[in-house]
Amino acid sequence: MIALTSAHKQALKWMSERGGDAAVARVKGGGRIYLAQGEHAPFMPSTARALIDAGLAEYIDVNGKKAVRFRLTDAGRKAA
């Protein structure tokens, strides 16, 4: 596993405090934002990607729509 930076730890904490699950919204220009319990996530998609690469989070495809949910894995919940 990668060494967690402050940004990674803050993202894990934010996600954990909001149930560990967020919606992924695509914005103009091809970017993404994460929404959980009515709030924008205070982290960038690159932080989300790092958490996925570390096995702490995952994207979920729903009904053939790519990456519409972002959630913590069991390892991510423990790390939070």
PDB file of N, CA and C in Angstrom:
ATOM      1  N   MET A   1       0.841  -1.183   0.000  1.00  0.00           N
ATOM      2  CA  MET A   1       0.000   0.000   0.000  1.00  0.00           C
ATOM      3  C   MET A   1       0.884   1.243   0.000  1.00  0.00           C
ATOM      4  N   ILE A   2       0.397   2.300  -0.604  1.00  0.00           N
ATOM      5  CA  ILE A   2       1.144   3.546  -0.666  1.00  0.00           C
ATOM      6  C   ILE A   2       1.119   4.241   0.694  1.00  0.00           C
ATOM      7  N   ALA A   3       2.072   5.094   0.916  1.00  0.00           N
ATOM      8  CA  ALA A   3       2.058   5.926   2.118  1.00  0.00           C
ATOM      9  C   ALA A   3       0.981   6.988   1.938  1.00  0.00           C
ATOM     10  N   LEU A   4       0.084   7.094   2.894  1.00  0.00           N
ATOM     11  CA  LEU A   4      -1.022   8.039   2.784  1.00  0.00           C
ATOM     12  C   LEU A   4      -0.552   9.454   3.097  1.00  0.00           C
ATOM     13  N   THR A   5      -0.895  10.366   2.218  1.00  0.00           N
ATOM     14  CA  THR A   5      -0.592  11.776   2.446  1.00  0.00           C
ATOM     15  C   THR A   5      -1.696  12.385   3.310  1.00  0.00           C
ATOM     16  N   SER A   6      -1.498  13.612   3.700  1.00  0.00           N
ATOM     17  CA  SER A   6      -2.520  14.336   4.457  1.00  0.00           C
ATOM     18  C   SER A   6      -3.818  14.433   3.651  1.00  0.00           C
ATOM     19  N   ALA A   7      -3.698  14.692   2.344  1.00  0.00           N
ATOM     20  CA  ALA A   7      -4.885  14.791   1.482  1.00  0.00           C
ATOM     21  C   ALA A   7      -5.646  13.469   1.435  1.00  0.00           C
ATOM     22  N   HIS A   8      -4.919  12.361   1.359  1.00  0.00           N
ATOM     23  CA  HIS A   8      -5.570  11.048   1.338  1.00  0.00           C
ATOM     24  C   HIS A   8      -6.321  10.802   2.644  1.00  0.00           C
ATOM     25  N   LYS A   9      -5.663  11.101   3.758  1.00  0.00           N
ATOM     26  CA  LYS A   9      -6.287  10.884   5.072  1.00  0.00           C
ATOM     27  C   LYS A   9      -7.533  11.750   5.247  1.00  0.00           C
ATOM     28  N   GLN A  10      -7.453  13.004   4.787  1.00  0.00           N
ATOM     29  CA  GLN A  10      -8.604  13.903   4.893  1.00  0.00           C
ATOM     30  C   GLN A  10      -9.752  13.417   4.019  1.00  0.00           C
ATOM     31  N   ALA A  11      -9.457  12.907   2.830  1.00  0.00           N
ATOM     32  CA  ALA A  11     -10.501  12.374   1.941  1.00  0.00           C
ATOM     33  C   ALA A  11     -11.152  11.155   2.563  1.00  0.00           C
ATOM     34  N   LEU A  12     -10.357  10.259   3.141  1.00  0.00           N
ATOM     35  CA  LEU A  12     -10.915   9.083   3.812  1.00  0.00           C
ATOM     36  C   LEU A  12     -11.824   9.492   4.966  1.00  0.00           C
ATOM     37  N   LYS A  13     -11.375  10.461   5.749  1.00  0.00           N
ATOM     38  CA  LYS A  13     -12.176  10.937   6.881  1.00  0.00           C
ATOM     39  C   LYS A  13     -13.487  11.550   6.403  1.00  0.00           C
ATOM     40  N   TRP A  14     -13.402  12.406   5.369  1.00  0.00           N
ATOM     41  CA  TRP A  14     -14.601  13.054   4.834  1.00  0.00           C
ATOM     42  C   TRP A  14     -15.594  12.016   4.332  1.00  0.00           C
ATOM     43  N   MET A  15     -15.097  11.044   3.568  1.00  0.00           N
ATOM     44  CA  MET A  15     -15.980   9.999   3.044  1.00  0.00           C
ATOM     45  C   MET A  15     -16.590   9.184   4.171  1.00  0.00           C
ATOM     46  N   SER A  16     -15.785   8.810   5.149  1.00  0.00           N
ATOM     47  CA  SER A  16     -16.270   7.996   6.262  1.00  0.00           C
ATOM     48  C   SER A  16     -17.367   8.717   7.043  1.00  0.00           C
ATOM     49  N   GLU A  17     -17.193  10.002   7.255  1.00  0.00           N
ATOM     50  CA  GLU A  17     -18.183  10.794   7.997  1.00  0.00           C
ATOM     51  C   GLU A  17     -19.499  10.940   7.240  1.00  0.00           C
ATOM     52  N   ARG A  18     -19.496  10.630   5.956  1.00  0.00           N
ATOM     53  CA  ARG A  18     -20.700  10.745   5.127  1.00  0.00           C
ATOM     54  C   ARG A  18     -21.162   9.390   4.603  1.00  0.00           C
ATOM     55  N   GLY A  19     -20.863   8.357   5.351  1.00  0.00           N
ATOM     56  CA  GLY A  19     -21.365   7.033   5.026  1.00  0.00           C
ATOM     57  C   GLY A  19     -20.489   6.218   4.089  1.00  0.00           C
ATOM     58  N   GLY A  20     -19.384   6.770   3.640  1.00  0.00           N
ATOM     59  CA  GLY A  20     -18.451   6.030   2.804  1.00  0.00           C
ATOM     60  C   GLY A  20     -18.868   5.861   1.358  1.00  0.00           C
ATOM     61  N   ASP A  21     -19.878   6.611   0.915  1.00  0.00           N
ATOM     62  CA  ASP A  21     -20.394   6.467  -0.440  1.00  0.00           C
ATOM     63  C   ASP A  21     -20.726   7.848  -1.001  1.00  0.00           C
ATOM     64  N   ALA A  22     -20.391   8.065  -2.273  1.00  0.00           N
ATOM     65  CA  ALA A  22     -20.658   9.363  -2.903  1.00  0.00           C
ATOM     66  C   ALA A  22     -21.087   9.162  -4.350  1.00  0.00           C
ATOM     67  N   ALA A  23     -21.825  10.123  -4.849  1.00  0.00           N
ATOM     68  CA  ALA A  23     -22.179  10.139  -6.268  1.00  0.00           C
ATOM     69  C   ALA A  23     -21.062  10.845  -7.027  1.00  0.00           C
ATOM     70  N   VAL A  24     -20.819  10.389  -8.245  1.00  0.00           N
ATOM     71  CA  VAL A  24     -19.824  11.026  -9.107  1.00  0.00           C
ATOM     72  C   VAL A  24     -20.582  11.817 -10.166  1.00  0.00           C
ATOM     73  N   ALA A  25     -20.337  13.111 -10.203  1.00  0.00           N
ATOM     74  CA  ALA A  25     -20.990  13.967 -11.194  1.00  0.00           C
ATOM     75  C   ALA A  25     -19.937  14.464 -12.172  1.00  0.00           C
ATOM     76  N   ARG A  26     -20.237  14.334 -13.443  1.00  0.00           N
ATOM     77  CA  ARG A  26     -19.329  14.836 -14.476  1.00  0.00           C
ATOM     78  C   ARG A  26     -19.697  16.289 -14.758  1.00  0.00           C
ATOM     79  N   VAL A  27     -18.686  17.103 -14.932  1.00  0.00           N
ATOM     80  CA  VAL A  27     -18.898  18.524 -15.180  1.00  0.00           C
ATOM     81  C   VAL A  27     -18.325  18.900 -16.543  1.00  0.00           C
ATOM     82  N   LYS A  28     -18.697  20.084 -17.010  1.00  0.00           N
ATOM     83  CA  LYS A  28     -18.185  20.557 -18.301  1.00  0.00           C
ATOM     84  C   LYS A  28     -16.664  20.515 -18.300  1.00  0.00           C
ATOM     85  N   GLY A  29     -16.114  20.167 -19.420  1.00  0.00           N
ATOM     86  CA  GLY A  29     -14.668  20.072 -19.529  1.00  0.00           C
ATOM     87  C   GLY A  29     -14.134  18.706 -19.167  1.00  0.00           C
ATOM     88  N   GLY A  30     -15.033  17.776 -18.800  1.00  0.00           N
ATOM     89  CA  GLY A  30     -14.621  16.410 -18.532  1.00  0.00           C
ATOM     90  C   GLY A  30     -14.194  16.114 -17.112  1.00  0.00           C
ATOM     91  N   GLY A  31     -14.317  17.080 -16.214  1.00  0.00           N
ATOM     92  CA  GLY A  31     -13.929  16.847 -14.826  1.00  0.00           C
ATOM     93  C   GLY A  31     -14.985  16.072 -14.055  1.00  0.00           C
ATOM     94  N   ARG A  32     -14.669  15.779 -12.829  1.00  0.00           N
ATOM     95  CA  ARG A  32     -15.592  15.074 -11.943  1.00  0.00           C
ATOM     96  C   ARG A  32     -15.627  15.772 -10.589  1.00  0.00           C
ATOM     97  N   ILE A  33     -16.794  15.721  -9.974  1.00  0.00           N
ATOM     98  CA  ILE A  33     -16.921  16.126  -8.578  1.00  0.00           C
ATOM     99  C   ILE A  33     -17.615  14.994  -7.849  1.00  0.00           C
ATOM    100  N   TYR A  34     -17.443  14.963  -6.560  1.00  0.00           N
ATOM    101  CA  TYR A  34     -18.022  13.915  -5.732  1.00  0.00           C
ATOM    102  C   TYR A  34     -18.999  14.574  -4.773  1.00  0.00           C
ATOM    103  N   LEU A  35     -20.193  14.001  -4.668  1.00  0.00           N
ATOM    104  CA  LEU A  35     -21.245  14.544  -3.821  1.00  0.00           C
ATOM    105  C   LEU A  35     -21.692  13.484  -2.829  1.00  0.00           C
ATOM    106  N   ALA A  36     -21.714  13.855  -1.555  1.00  0.00           N
ATOM    107  CA  ALA A  36     -22.187  12.937  -0.516  1.00  0.00           C
ATOM    108  C   ALA A  36     -22.996  13.738   0.490  1.00  0.00           C
ATOM    109  N   GLN A  37     -24.186  13.269   0.757  1.00  0.00           N
ATOM    110  CA  GLN A  37     -25.090  13.907   1.711  1.00  0.00           C
ATOM    111  C   GLN A  37     -25.225  15.405   1.441  1.00  0.00           C
ATOM    112  N   GLY A  38     -25.341  15.757   0.161  1.00  0.00           N
ATOM    113  CA  GLY A  38     -25.581  17.133  -0.244  1.00  0.00           C
ATOM    114  C   GLY A  38     -24.375  18.042  -0.233  1.00  0.00           C
ATOM    115  N   GLU A  39     -23.187  17.495  -0.038  1.00  0.00           N
ATOM    116  CA  GLU A  39     -21.975  18.312   0.015  1.00  0.00           C
ATOM    117  C   GLU A  39     -20.996  17.903  -1.074  1.00  0.00           C
ATOM    118  N   HIS A  40     -20.263  18.896  -1.598  1.00  0.00           N
ATOM    119  CA  HIS A  40     -19.163  18.621  -2.525  1.00  0.00           C
ATOM    120  C   HIS A  40     -17.987  18.086  -1.726  1.00  0.00           C
ATOM    121  N   ALA A  41     -17.341  17.088  -2.252  1.00  0.00           N
ATOM    122  CA  ALA A  41     -16.137  16.572  -1.600  1.00  0.00           C
ATOM    123  C   ALA A  41     -15.009  17.594  -1.713  1.00  0.00           C
ATOM    124  N   PRO A  42     -14.229  17.752  -0.655  1.00  0.00           N
ATOM    125  CA  PRO A  42     -13.136  18.722  -0.685  1.00  0.00           C
ATOM    126  C   PRO A  42     -11.831  18.117  -1.217  1.00  0.00           C
ATOM    127  N   PHE A  43     -11.932  17.156  -2.125  1.00  0.00           N
ATOM    128  CA  PHE A  43     -10.725  16.565  -2.702  1.00  0.00           C
ATOM    129  C   PHE A  43     -10.866  16.454  -4.212  1.00  0.00           C
ATOM    130  N   MET A  44      -9.732  16.321  -4.856  1.00  0.00           N
ATOM    131  CA  MET A  44      -9.658  16.292  -6.311  1.00  0.00           C
ATOM    132  C   MET A  44      -9.782  14.854  -6.828  1.00  0.00           C
ATOM    133  N   PRO A  45     -10.149  14.706  -8.106  1.00  0.00           N
ATOM    134  CA  PRO A  45     -10.201  13.365  -8.692  1.00  0.00           C
ATOM    135  C   PRO A  45      -8.877  12.608  -8.591  1.00  0.00           C
ATOM    136  N   SER A  46      -7.760  13.323  -8.603  1.00  0.00           N
ATOM    137  CA  SER A  46      -6.465  12.640  -8.475  1.00  0.00           C
ATOM    138  C   SER A  46      -6.319  11.985  -7.103  1.00  0.00           C
ATOM    139  N   THR A  47      -6.896  12.593  -6.078  1.00  0.00           N
ATOM    140  CA  THR A  47      -6.880  11.988  -4.744  1.00  0.00           C
ATOM    141  C   THR A  47      -7.748  10.737  -4.737  1.00  0.00           C
ATOM    142  N   ALA A  48      -8.912  10.818  -5.369  1.00  0.00           N
ATOM    143  CA  ALA A  48      -9.784   9.652  -5.470  1.00  0.00           C
ATOM    144  C   ALA A  48      -9.066   8.519  -6.200  1.00  0.00           C
ATOM    145  N   ARG A  49      -8.375   8.839  -7.281  1.00  0.00           N
ATOM    146  CA  ARG A  49      -7.635   7.827  -8.053  1.00  0.00           C
ATOM    147  C   ARG A  49      -6.555   7.181  -7.194  1.00  0.00           C
ATOM    148  N   ALA A  50      -5.856   7.973  -6.390  1.00  0.00           N
ATOM    149  CA  ALA A  50      -4.816   7.428  -5.512  1.00  0.00           C
ATOM    150  C   ALA A  50      -5.415   6.467  -4.492  1.00  0.00           C
ATOM    151  N   LEU A  51      -6.593   6.803  -3.958  1.00  0.00           N
ATOM    152  CA  LEU A  51      -7.257   5.911  -3.003  1.00  0.00           C
ATOM    153  C   LEU A  51      -7.668   4.605  -3.680  1.00  0.00           C
ATOM    154  N   ILE A  52      -8.130   4.693  -4.915  1.00  0.00           N
ATOM    155  CA  ILE A  52      -8.492   3.493  -5.674  1.00  0.00           C
ATOM    156  C   ILE A  52      -7.253   2.637  -5.922  1.00  0.00           C
ATOM    157  N   ASP A  53      -6.175   3.271  -6.354  1.00  0.00           N
ATOM    158  CA  ASP A  53      -4.936   2.542  -6.629  1.00  0.00           C
ATOM    159  C   ASP A  53      -4.384   1.859  -5.380  1.00  0.00           C
ATOM    160  N   ALA A  54      -4.660   2.453  -4.211  1.00  0.00           N
ATOM    161  CA  ALA A  54      -4.210   1.881  -2.940  1.00  0.00           C
ATOM    162  C   ALA A  54      -5.168   0.813  -2.412  1.00  0.00           C
ATOM    163  N   GLY A  55      -6.300   0.598  -3.108  1.00  0.00           N
ATOM    164  CA  GLY A  55      -7.272  -0.391  -2.662  1.00  0.00           C
ATOM    165  C   GLY A  55      -8.177   0.082  -1.543  1.00  0.00           C
ATOM    166  N   LEU A  56      -8.217   1.400  -1.316  1.00  0.00           N
ATOM    167  CA  LEU A  56      -9.015   1.960  -0.228  1.00  0.00           C
ATOM    168  C   LEU A  56     -10.392   2.439  -0.672  1.00  0.00           C
ATOM    169  N   ALA A  57     -10.587   2.550  -1.982  1.00  0.00           N
ATOM    170  CA  ALA A  57     -11.867   3.007  -2.530  1.00  0.00           C
ATOM    171  C   ALA A  57     -12.060   2.361  -3.896  1.00  0.00           C
ATOM    172  N   GLU A  58     -13.276   2.520  -4.425  1.00  0.00           N
ATOM    173  CA  GLU A  58     -13.568   1.956  -5.745  1.00  0.00           C
ATOM    174  C   GLU A  58     -14.677   2.747  -6.408  1.00  0.00           C
ATOM    175  N   TYR A  59     -14.657   2.723  -7.746  1.00  0.00           N
ATOM    176  CA  TYR A  59     -15.763   3.260  -8.516  1.00  0.00           C
ATOM    177  C   TYR A  59     -16.749   2.131  -8.751  1.00  0.00           C
ATOM    178  N   ILE A  60     -18.031   2.461  -8.784  1.00  0.00           N
ATOM    179  CA  ILE A  60     -19.078   1.487  -9.026  1.00  0.00           C
ATOM    180  C   ILE A  60     -19.816   1.889 -10.297  1.00  0.00           C
ATOM    181  N   ASP A  61     -19.958   0.951 -11.213  1.00  0.00           N
ATOM    182  CA  ASP A  61     -20.746   1.167 -12.428  1.00  0.00           C
ATOM    183  C   ASP A  61     -22.177   0.718 -12.157  1.00  0.00           C
ATOM    184  N   VAL A  62     -23.157   1.538 -12.527  1.00  0.00           N
ATOM    185  CA  VAL A  62     -24.565   1.226 -12.301  1.00  0.00           C
ATOM    186  C   VAL A  62     -25.301   1.259 -13.631  1.00  0.00           C
ATOM    187  N   ASN A  63     -25.973   0.182 -13.946  1.00  0.00           N
ATOM    188  CA  ASN A  63     -26.779   0.089 -15.164  1.00  0.00           C
ATOM    189  C   ASN A  63     -26.004   0.480 -16.421  1.00  0.00           C
ATOM    190  N   GLY A  64     -24.754   0.067 -16.491  1.00  0.00           N
ATOM    191  CA  GLY A  64     -23.953   0.342 -17.671  1.00  0.00           C
ATOM    192  C   GLY A  64     -23.377   1.738 -17.751  1.00  0.00           C
ATOM    193  N   LYS A  65     -23.691   2.594 -16.773  1.00  0.00           N
ATOM    194  CA  LYS A  65     -23.130   3.947 -16.747  1.00  0.00           C
ATOM    195  C   LYS A  65     -21.840   3.896 -15.950  1.00  0.00           C
ATOM    196  N   LYS A  66     -20.759   4.297 -16.590  1.00  0.00           N
ATOM    197  CA  LYS A  66     -19.449   4.158 -15.985  1.00  0.00           C
ATOM    198  C   LYS A  66     -19.226   5.108 -14.811  1.00  0.00           C
ATOM    199  N   ALA A  67     -18.733   4.555 -13.723  1.00  0.00           N
ATOM    200  CA  ALA A  67     -18.271   5.317 -12.565  1.00  0.00           C
ATOM    201  C   ALA A  67     -19.286   6.355 -12.082  1.00  0.00           C
ATOM    202  N   VAL A  68     -20.434   5.895 -11.656  1.00  0.00           N
ATOM    203  CA  VAL A  68     -21.428   6.839 -11.155  1.00  0.00           C
ATOM    204  C   VAL A  68     -21.448   6.902  -9.626  1.00  0.00           C
ATOM    205  N   ARG A  69     -20.785   5.956  -8.979  1.00  0.00           N
ATOM    206  CA  ARG A  69     -20.673   5.958  -7.515  1.00  0.00           C
ATOM    207  C   ARG A  69     -19.213   5.765  -7.136  1.00  0.00           C
ATOM    208  N   PHE A  70     -18.835   6.309  -6.013  1.00  0.00           N
ATOM    209  CA  PHE A  70     -17.487   6.190  -5.474  1.00  0.00           C
ATOM    210  C   PHE A  70     -17.658   5.798  -4.019  1.00  0.00           C
ATOM    211  N   ARG A  71     -17.027   4.714  -3.607  1.00  0.00           N
ATOM    212  CA  ARG A  71     -17.209   4.294  -2.214  1.00  0.00           C
ATOM    213  C   ARG A  71     -15.915   3.742  -1.636  1.00  0.00           C
ATOM    214  N   LEU A  72     -15.862   3.779  -0.313  1.00  0.00           N
ATOM    215  CA  LEU A  72     -14.729   3.208   0.388  1.00  0.00           C
ATOM    216  C   LEU A  72     -14.856   1.693   0.405  1.00  0.00           C
ATOM    217  N   THR A  73     -13.737   1.015   0.311  1.00  0.00           N
ATOM    218  CA  THR A  73     -13.708  -0.433   0.485  1.00  0.00           C
ATOM    219  C   THR A  73     -13.606  -0.707   1.996  1.00  0.00           C
ATOM    220  N   ASP A  74     -13.644  -1.975   2.370  1.00  0.00           N
ATOM    221  CA  ASP A  74     -13.470  -2.312   3.788  1.00  0.00           C
ATOM    222  C   ASP A  74     -12.125  -1.806   4.306  1.00  0.00           C
ATOM    223  N   ALA A  75     -11.098  -1.931   3.475  1.00  0.00           N
ATOM    224  CA  ALA A  75      -9.772  -1.429   3.871  1.00  0.00           C
ATOM    225  C   ALA A  75      -9.798   0.085   4.052  1.00  0.00           C
ATOM    226  N   GLY A  76     -10.540   0.781   3.201  1.00  0.00           N
ATOM    227  CA  GLY A  76     -10.661   2.230   3.312  1.00  0.00           C
ATOM    228  C   GLY A  76     -11.392   2.649   4.560  1.00  0.00           C
ATOM    229  N   ARG A  77     -12.422   1.902   4.926  1.00  0.00           N
ATOM    230  CA  ARG A  77     -13.160   2.204   6.160  1.00  0.00           C
ATOM    231  C   ARG A  77     -12.255   2.010   7.383  1.00  0.00           C
ATOM    232  N   LYS A  78     -11.434   0.977   7.349  1.00  0.00           N
ATOM    233  CA  LYS A  78     -10.519   0.727   8.469  1.00  0.00           C
ATOM    234  C   LYS A  78      -9.446   1.801   8.545  1.00  0.00           C
ATOM    235  N   ALA A  79      -8.961   2.264   7.392  1.00  0.00           N
ATOM    236  CA  ALA A  79      -7.906   3.278   7.357  1.00  0.00           C
ATOM    237  C   ALA A  79      -8.420   4.652   7.792  1.00  0.00           C
ATOM    238  N   ALA A  80      -9.728   4.876   7.633  1.00  0.00           N
ATOM    239  CA  ALA A  80     -10.311   6.171   8.002  1.00  0.00           C
ATOM    240  C   ALA A  80     -10.324   6.284   9.492  1.00  0.00           C
TER     241      ALA A  80
END
